[in-house]
Protein backbone atom coordinates (compact mmCIF):
# COMPACT_ATOMS: atom_id res chain seq x y z
CA MET A 1 15.77 11.34 26.50
CA THR A 2 17.76 8.14 25.75
CA GLY A 3 18.35 7.59 22.00
CA THR A 4 16.53 10.74 20.97
CA SER A 5 19.06 13.66 21.26
CA THR A 6 20.32 13.70 17.34
CA LYS A 7 16.64 14.53 16.20
CA SER A 8 16.92 17.90 14.43
CA THR A 9 15.63 17.76 10.89
CA THR A 10 12.26 19.35 10.94
CA TRP A 11 8.87 17.81 10.12
CA LYS A 12 8.65 19.59 6.89
CA MET A 13 11.99 18.38 6.02
CA LEU A 14 10.96 14.77 6.64
CA ARG A 15 8.26 15.16 4.29
CA GLY A 16 10.86 16.44 1.42
CA ALA A 17 10.09 15.66 -2.02
CA GLY A 18 13.06 13.28 -1.80
CA LEU A 19 12.23 11.92 1.28
CA ALA A 20 15.72 12.62 2.50
CA ILE A 21 18.51 10.48 1.29
CA VAL A 22 18.27 6.68 0.90
CA VAL A 23 21.04 4.66 2.77
CA GLY A 24 21.50 1.56 0.58
CA LEU A 25 23.74 -1.36 1.74
CA ALA A 26 26.96 -0.23 -0.03
CA GLY A 27 26.70 2.92 1.90
CA MET A 28 25.78 1.51 5.15
CA THR A 29 29.20 0.98 6.63
CA ALA A 30 30.31 4.48 5.98
CA VAL A 31 27.16 6.05 7.47
CA LEU A 32 26.74 3.89 10.46
CA GLY A 33 30.28 2.55 11.23
CA GLU A 34 31.56 -0.69 10.83
CA ASP A 35 29.38 -2.25 13.36
CA ILE A 36 26.04 -2.09 11.60
CA PRO A 37 22.93 -2.32 13.66
CA THR A 38 20.54 -5.47 13.28
CA CYS A 39 18.50 -5.16 10.39
CA ALA A 40 20.34 -1.70 9.12
CA ASP A 41 22.45 -4.51 7.63
CA GLY A 42 19.68 -5.77 5.46
CA ILE A 43 19.26 -9.15 7.37
CA ASN A 44 15.52 -9.83 8.79
CA SER A 45 15.19 -9.93 12.29
CA ASP A 46 12.36 -9.76 14.83
CA ASP A 47 14.63 -7.75 17.04
CA CYS A 48 15.75 -4.98 14.95
CA MET A 49 17.70 -1.95 16.24
CA GLU A 50 17.51 0.21 13.20
CA CYS A 51 15.90 -0.32 9.91
CA ASN A 52 17.13 -0.84 6.53
CA PHE A 53 16.99 1.83 3.88
CA GLN A 54 16.47 4.52 6.48
CA ASP A 55 16.06 8.11 5.74
CA GLU A 56 19.37 10.08 6.30
CA ASN A 57 17.73 11.62 9.37
CA PRO A 58 14.72 9.25 10.22
CA TRP A 59 13.05 11.51 13.19
CA CYS A 60 9.73 13.27 13.48
CA GLY A 61 8.12 14.95 16.34
CA ASP A 62 9.64 18.32 16.50
CA ASN A 63 6.44 20.17 17.87
CA ASP A 64 3.26 19.02 19.75
CA ASP A 65 0.48 19.95 17.24
CA PRO A 66 -1.32 17.02 16.99
CA VAL A 67 -2.66 17.85 13.33
CA ASP A 68 0.98 18.22 12.36
CA GLN A 69 2.06 15.07 13.95
CA MET A 70 -0.45 12.66 12.36
CA SER A 71 1.87 10.95 10.44
CA CYS A 72 4.57 10.94 13.21
CA THR A 73 3.55 7.49 14.60
CA PRO A 74 3.97 5.14 16.52
CA PHE A 75 7.75 6.30 17.37
CA GLN A 76 9.66 9.19 16.71
CA TYR A 77 11.86 7.07 14.65
CA ARG A 78 10.43 7.24 11.30
CA PRO A 79 12.84 5.58 8.74
CA MET A 80 10.27 5.54 5.59
CA SER A 81 11.93 2.20 4.86
CA PHE A 82 9.03 0.94 2.76
CA ASN A 83 9.08 3.96 0.61
CA ASN A 84 12.76 4.17 0.15
CA ILE A 85 13.10 0.32 -0.72
CA ALA A 86 10.50 0.80 -3.42
CA ASN A 87 12.55 3.82 -4.80
CA LYS A 88 15.98 2.30 -4.46
CA ASP A 89 16.18 1.76 -8.30
CA GLY A 90 14.46 5.32 -9.24
CA PRO A 91 11.18 6.90 -7.99
CA GLN A 92 8.26 4.76 -7.67
CA ILE A 93 6.17 5.91 -4.89
CA ASP A 94 6.01 8.91 -2.29
CA GLU A 95 3.27 10.10 0.06
CA TYR A 96 0.94 10.54 -2.58
CA CYS A 97 0.70 6.66 -3.10
CA SER A 98 -2.78 6.43 -3.51
CA TYR A 99 -4.02 10.00 -4.30
CA SER A 100 -6.58 10.78 -7.01
CA PRO A 101 -7.66 14.33 -7.73
CA ASP A 102 -11.17 12.79 -8.04
CA PRO A 103 -11.60 10.52 -5.21
CA LYS A 104 -15.51 10.26 -5.45
CA ASN A 105 -14.92 8.45 -8.79
CA SER A 106 -11.80 6.44 -8.07
CA ASP A 107 -11.87 2.83 -7.31
CA ASP A 108 -9.00 3.56 -5.04
CA ILE A 109 -10.86 3.90 -1.47
CA TRP A 110 -7.22 4.95 0.01
CA ALA A 111 -7.91 8.16 -2.22
CA THR A 112 -10.87 8.78 0.22
CA LEU A 113 -9.49 7.11 3.61
CA ALA A 114 -6.23 8.89 3.61
CA TYR A 115 -6.61 12.10 1.66
CA ASP A 116 -8.83 15.13 2.37
CA ASP A 117 -11.06 15.96 -0.73
CA THR A 118 -10.18 19.94 -0.50
CA LEU A 119 -6.77 21.25 -1.03
CA GLY A 120 -6.27 22.94 2.45
CA GLY A 121 -3.11 21.79 3.19
CA TRP A 122 0.62 22.06 1.52
CA ASP A 123 2.90 19.51 0.28
CA SER A 124 6.67 19.37 0.70
CA SER A 125 7.15 21.54 -2.21
CA GLY A 126 5.10 24.16 -1.17
CA SER A 127 2.12 23.48 -3.38
CA PRO A 128 -1.49 23.13 -2.37
CA ALA A 129 -2.38 19.81 -1.07
CA PRO A 130 -4.78 17.55 0.79
CA TRP A 131 -5.36 18.72 4.46
CA PRO A 132 -3.30 18.63 6.58
CA TYR A 133 -0.72 17.03 4.19
CA PRO A 134 -0.82 14.02 1.78
CA GLY A 135 -1.27 10.81 2.91
CA VAL A 136 -3.09 10.95 6.12
CA ARG A 137 -6.69 11.70 7.05
CA ALA A 138 -8.68 11.65 10.49
CA TRP A 139 -12.17 10.50 10.75
CA ALA A 140 -14.75 11.04 13.38
CA ALA A 141 -18.48 10.74 14.38
CA GLN A 142 -19.43 13.82 15.83
CA PHE A 143 -18.78 17.69 15.53
CA ASN A 144 -20.54 19.59 18.41
CA GLY A 145 -17.77 21.82 18.80
CA ASP A 146 -17.58 21.36 22.63
CA CYS A 147 -13.76 20.35 22.85
CA SER A 148 -14.17 19.70 26.68
CA GLN A 149 -16.27 16.84 25.45
CA ALA A 150 -14.04 15.95 22.55
CA GLY A 151 -16.62 17.31 20.07
CA GLY A 152 -18.86 14.51 21.29
CA ASN A 153 -16.73 11.91 20.34
CA SER A 154 -15.53 8.72 22.39
CA ASP A 155 -12.67 8.21 19.72
CA TYR A 156 -11.28 9.26 16.42
CA TRP A 157 -9.84 7.40 13.58
CA VAL A 158 -6.80 7.99 11.41
CA PHE A 159 -5.98 6.36 8.01
CA HIS A 160 -2.45 6.36 6.59
CA ALA A 161 -1.44 5.43 2.85
CA CYS A 162 2.37 6.00 2.27
CA ASP A 163 3.32 8.63 4.64
CA GLY A 164 5.81 6.49 6.35
CA ALA A 165 3.49 5.97 9.65
CA GLY A 166 3.20 2.55 11.29
CA ILE A 167 6.76 1.01 11.41
CA GLN A 168 7.01 -1.85 14.14
CA GLY A 169 9.12 -2.67 16.93
CA GLY A 170 10.92 -5.83 16.25
CA ASP A 171 10.81 -6.38 12.48
CA CYS A 172 10.91 -2.96 10.87
CA LYS A 173 7.60 -3.68 8.89
CA GLY A 174 4.31 -2.19 8.72
CA ASP A 175 5.21 1.47 7.57
CA ILE A 176 2.49 1.64 4.93
CA LYS A 177 -1.13 1.77 5.21
CA TYR A 178 -1.37 1.95 9.04
CA VAL A 179 -4.52 2.57 10.61
CA GLU A 180 -5.22 3.82 14.28
CA ARG A 181 -8.04 4.42 16.56
CA PHE A 182 -7.62 6.77 19.32
CA GLY A 183 -9.60 6.76 22.47
CA PHE A 184 -9.64 9.23 25.31
CA THR A 185 -6.31 10.15 27.08
CA TYR A 186 -4.95 8.98 30.09
CA ASP A 187 -4.90 11.28 33.31
CA GLY A 188 -1.35 11.15 33.86
CA ASP A 189 2.08 11.70 32.05
CA MET A 190 4.06 9.34 30.01
CA GLU A 191 6.73 7.26 32.20
CA ASP A 192 10.13 6.31 31.02
CA ALA A 193 9.50 2.72 31.88
CA GLY A 194 6.17 2.86 30.22
CA ILE A 195 2.61 2.57 31.85
CA CYS A 196 2.22 -1.22 30.77
CA THR A 197 0.91 -4.37 32.55
CA PRO A 198 3.35 -6.16 34.94
CA ASP A 199 5.53 -8.73 33.51
CA GLY A 200 4.02 -11.94 33.49
CA GLN A 201 0.28 -10.63 34.15
CA GLY A 202 -0.54 -9.89 30.62
CA GLY A 203 -3.42 -10.36 28.57
CA GLY A 204 -4.64 -13.73 27.34
CA TYR A 205 -3.08 -17.26 28.45
CA ASP A 206 0.49 -16.80 27.50
CA ASP A 207 1.60 -13.57 29.39
CA ARG A 208 1.67 -10.73 27.03
CA MET A 209 2.55 -7.23 28.15
CA TYR A 210 0.38 -4.28 26.98
CA CYS A 211 0.90 -0.62 27.37
CA LYS A 212 -0.87 2.67 26.99
CA PHE A 213 0.20 4.42 23.96
CA VAL A 214 2.10 7.69 23.81
CA HIS A 215 2.23 9.93 20.90
CA PRO A 216 5.39 10.63 19.65
CA GLY A 217 4.61 14.27 18.48
CA THR A 218 2.44 15.32 21.21
CA HIS A 219 3.42 13.09 24.25
CA LYS A 220 -0.15 12.68 25.08
CA VAL A 221 -0.79 9.15 26.87
CA TYR A 222 -4.09 7.31 25.29
CA ASP A 223 -5.78 4.92 27.80
CA ASP A 224 -7.46 3.36 24.62
CA TYR A 225 -5.47 2.68 21.51
CA LYS A 226 -5.91 0.25 18.73
CA SER A 227 -4.08 -0.14 15.39
CA GLY A 228 -3.63 -2.32 12.64
CA TRP A 229 -3.38 -2.20 8.89
CA THR A 230 -5.34 -1.87 5.66
CA GLY A 231 -2.66 -3.26 3.38
CA SER A 232 -3.87 -6.83 2.95
CA THR A 233 -6.07 -6.68 -0.05
CA ASN A 234 -8.34 -9.34 -1.65
CA ASP A 235 -6.89 -9.96 -5.19
CA ASN A 236 -9.51 -12.10 -6.46
CA GLU A 237 -13.07 -12.42 -6.89
CA ASP A 238 -15.42 -10.80 -4.40
CA THR A 239 -15.93 -12.71 -1.06
CA PHE A 240 -17.57 -11.98 2.28
CA TRP A 241 -14.56 -10.18 3.76
CA ALA A 242 -13.89 -7.72 0.91
CA ALA A 243 -14.91 -6.67 -2.82
CA LYS A 244 -12.24 -7.18 -5.12
CA GLY A 245 -8.98 -5.16 -4.63
CA LEU A 246 -9.98 -3.91 -1.14
CA PRO A 247 -8.65 -4.68 2.23
CA THR A 248 -9.65 -8.09 3.77
CA ALA A 249 -9.08 -9.32 7.19
CA GLU A 250 -8.92 -12.61 5.97
CA GLY A 251 -5.37 -12.26 4.57
CA ALA A 252 -4.35 -10.90 7.94
CA PHE A 253 -4.73 -13.79 10.28
CA ALA A 254 -0.86 -13.82 10.85
CA SER A 255 2.03 -11.49 11.57
CA LYS A 256 4.93 -10.78 9.43
CA ALA A 257 7.44 -12.13 12.17
CA SER A 258 5.85 -15.15 13.17
CA GLY A 259 3.29 -16.47 10.28
CA GLY A 260 -0.06 -17.54 10.61
CA TRP A 261 -2.36 -17.82 13.59
CA HIS A 262 -2.83 -21.29 14.55
CA ASP A 263 -6.11 -23.18 13.25
CA ASP A 264 -6.68 -24.83 16.40
CA SER A 265 -6.83 -21.86 18.23
CA PRO A 266 -10.28 -20.79 19.58
CA LEU A 267 -10.18 -17.33 17.61
CA MET A 268 -9.42 -19.26 14.38
CA GLN A 269 -12.17 -22.05 15.03
CA THR A 270 -14.49 -18.93 15.73
CA LEU A 271 -13.27 -17.33 12.36
CA SER A 272 -13.81 -20.43 10.35
CA ASN A 273 -17.53 -19.96 10.45
CA PHE A 274 -18.11 -16.48 11.54
CA PRO A 275 -19.20 -15.13 8.05
CA GLU A 276 -22.19 -17.78 7.79
CA LYS A 277 -22.85 -17.71 11.37
CA GLU A 278 -23.28 -14.23 11.86
CA TYR A 279 -24.36 -12.76 8.54
CA GLY A 280 -25.43 -15.68 6.50
CA GLY A 281 -22.38 -15.41 4.22
CA ASN A 282 -23.35 -11.72 3.12
CA HIS A 283 -21.12 -9.03 4.03
CA PRO A 284 -23.14 -6.19 6.05
CA TYR A 285 -22.19 -3.39 3.77
CA ALA A 286 -21.97 -5.25 0.45
CA SER A 287 -24.66 -2.62 -0.79
CA THR A 288 -22.26 0.23 -0.79
CA GLY A 289 -20.22 -1.49 -3.55
CA LYS A 290 -17.05 -0.75 -1.60
CA TRP A 291 -17.06 -3.33 1.30
CA PHE A 292 -14.07 -4.30 3.11
CA SER A 293 -12.44 -5.60 6.69
CA PHE A 294 -9.55 -5.25 8.56
CA PRO A 295 -8.16 -6.19 12.01
CA MET A 296 -7.09 -3.91 14.83
CA TYR A 297 -4.93 -4.83 17.70
CA SER A 298 -3.71 -4.01 21.24
CA TRP A 299 -0.38 -2.10 21.95
CA ARG A 300 2.21 -4.47 23.03
CA ALA A 301 5.77 -4.47 24.41
CA TYR A 302 8.46 -6.99 24.38
CA LYS A 303 11.98 -6.92 26.31
CA ASN A 304 14.55 -7.71 23.92
CA GLY A 305 17.87 -6.25 25.40
CA ASN A 306 18.57 -3.84 22.60
CA ASP A 307 20.79 -0.79 23.50
CA ASN A 308 18.66 1.78 21.79
CA ASN A 309 14.86 2.81 22.29
CA TYR A 310 14.37 3.62 18.63
CA LEU A 311 11.47 0.95 18.17
CA SER A 312 9.81 1.74 21.55
CA TYR A 313 10.06 5.19 22.26
CA PRO A 314 8.09 7.03 23.62
CA THR A 315 5.76 4.36 24.70
CA ILE A 316 8.75 3.01 26.58
CA ALA A 317 11.74 5.36 26.88
CA GLU A 318 14.16 3.01 28.50
CA ASN A 319 16.71 0.71 26.27
CA GLY A 320 15.89 -2.71 25.61
CA TRP A 321 12.31 -2.83 24.39
CA LYS A 322 10.29 -3.39 21.24
CA ALA A 323 6.74 -2.02 21.27
CA PHE A 324 4.10 -3.24 18.31
CA ALA A 325 0.59 -3.77 17.35
CA ASP A 326 -0.06 -7.26 18.67
CA ASN A 327 -0.90 -9.66 15.70
CA GLU A 328 1.37 -12.29 16.89
CA PRO A 329 0.19 -15.85 17.51
CA CYS A 330 2.46 -16.33 20.79
CA GLY A 331 2.93 -14.59 24.15
CA ASP A 332 6.10 -14.05 26.15
CA SER A 333 5.82 -17.31 27.82
CA GLY A 334 3.46 -19.79 25.77
CA CYS A 335 1.48 -19.99 22.78
CA ALA A 336 -2.19 -19.58 22.68
CA GLY A 337 -2.12 -19.70 18.74
CA ALA A 338 -3.84 -16.06 18.29
CA PRO A 339 -3.90 -12.81 19.91
CA PRO A 340 -5.98 -12.70 22.88
CA GLU A 341 -7.98 -9.48 21.85
CA VAL A 342 -8.48 -8.45 18.04
CA ASP A 343 -11.14 -5.74 16.70
CA PHE A 344 -12.25 -6.85 13.40
CA ILE A 345 -13.91 -4.01 11.31
CA LEU A 346 -16.21 -4.88 8.78
CA GLY A 347 -16.91 -1.56 6.72
CA GLY A 348 -18.22 0.17 3.70
CA LEU A 349 -17.18 3.49 1.93
CA ASP A 350 -20.65 5.43 1.13
CA ALA A 351 -21.52 8.94 0.80
CA LYS A 352 -24.16 11.26 2.25
CA ASP A 353 -26.67 12.87 -0.47
CA ASP A 354 -24.25 15.95 -0.51
CA GLY A 355 -21.24 13.91 -1.72
CA THR A 356 -19.61 13.89 1.87
CA PRO A 357 -17.88 10.50 2.41
CA MET A 358 -19.14 7.96 5.18
CA LEU A 359 -17.41 5.27 6.51
CA VAL A 360 -20.07 2.76 7.83
CA PHE A 361 -19.07 -0.39 9.96
CA ASP A 362 -19.73 -3.14 12.20
CA MET A 363 -16.88 -3.68 15.02
CA TRP A 364 -16.34 -7.03 16.58
CA ARG A 365 -13.96 -7.69 19.68
CA SER A 366 -12.59 -11.10 20.24
CA ASP A 367 -11.56 -12.42 23.65
CA ALA A 368 -8.94 -15.06 24.72
CA ASP A 369 -11.45 -17.78 24.52
CA GLY A 370 -12.39 -17.05 20.92
CA ASN A 371 -15.79 -15.38 21.72
CA MET A 372 -16.67 -12.48 19.49
CA VAL A 373 -18.88 -9.41 20.68
CA LYS A 374 -20.44 -7.15 18.47
CA LEU A 375 -19.67 -3.80 19.94
CA ASN A 376 -22.39 -1.97 17.76
CA ASP A 377 -25.17 -4.12 20.06
CA GLU A 378 -22.99 -3.00 23.14
CA VAL A 379 -22.92 0.73 22.55
CA ALA A 380 -24.87 1.80 19.76
CA ASN A 381 -28.21 -0.40 20.01
CA GLY A 382 -27.32 -2.28 16.99
CA THR A 383 -26.97 0.44 14.53
CA SER A 384 -23.84 1.14 12.25
CA PHE A 385 -21.10 3.00 13.47
CA VAL A 386 -20.63 6.01 11.00
CA LEU A 387 -17.49 8.32 10.54
CA TYR A 388 -17.07 11.24 8.66
CA PRO A 389 -13.65 12.95 7.48
CA VAL A 390 -12.22 15.62 9.84
CA HIS A 391 -11.66 19.07 8.32
CA GLU A 392 -9.95 22.08 10.09
CA ASN A 393 -12.05 23.84 12.78
CA ASP A 394 -15.24 21.37 11.97
CA GLY A 395 -16.17 20.93 15.58
CA SER A 396 -15.08 17.54 15.95
CA CYS A 397 -11.94 18.64 18.00
CA ALA A 398 -9.89 15.87 16.41
CA PRO A 399 -7.13 14.84 16.40
CA TRP A 400 -6.59 15.46 20.10
């Protein structure tokens, strides 16, 4: 497989206490040679070949166990750049970045979203830790035990904290507080060229190429995959979009690489009066006290001509591509001003009477004309979507 033959470090080693060796700028030339790859030299680009401050052995995906590989996403290249940059002047964060031993009484919702509330797993030092390990948690809606029917689920969700998941093709950003929704798998195998819309026939009005997602650990191909981040937070007073300190979609109408979505785009025009028009200005789950929002995006690829596949494999195994969650305002040719399809999650963190965490939410999907459809009305008779944490052998059959 192109560009992947040097992966020898095991997954547990990649989650080691020191998160491997951080390669700083001073040591770059000695490690990588005189021709330092784009972005590994510390200069930002939207066509990175490798990421700055990557681990000494920045690979994951050494087995096909979907539980063990939840943090190995979206590529087998997993540089841990965010953590390593934060730690360059001394230890600041690790995979436990948002962990609380008492998550039910913590104001930090990531302590619930991305950490199991039992010590059913192990951390890198061999100590008991949240299952399956710190910094990631799967959620599902049904638990009927029939894995031929995915436990009754049409999808499952994975929330990440600081486990290194989420690095993006192009700009080497995004490897913190990533969130994914996995739908059903595709009835077929991965292909080196990717399973994508043809060039020039992508979604929207500016020719974007979208691909089926291939999981880097299991190599399963997903027909339905969306991803985004919960890292943009509301740092001021409570708003419609989020309680103070919690994730807000309002701060995410943009991409790191290209800036904000265009105010005159159909989607931004719709969003300008969405809270008042659809909800009278009141978040549907404000009563939980922990209400928030975040967007999720389609999985896109773009040909950039790089001579490796670090930031596209295994979605596209061939060299010369980048893959990323499409939060970009523009397409391959032309610029519609916003992505042609975005899922907006309006959620609240609640609990059942027995204390089991519940994630309740509405989900809206936009189209290229800026129209938004409430998916609860389409598939749940208008009721709230509800997710519960996944535990080992709980009948959810997730992750699959």
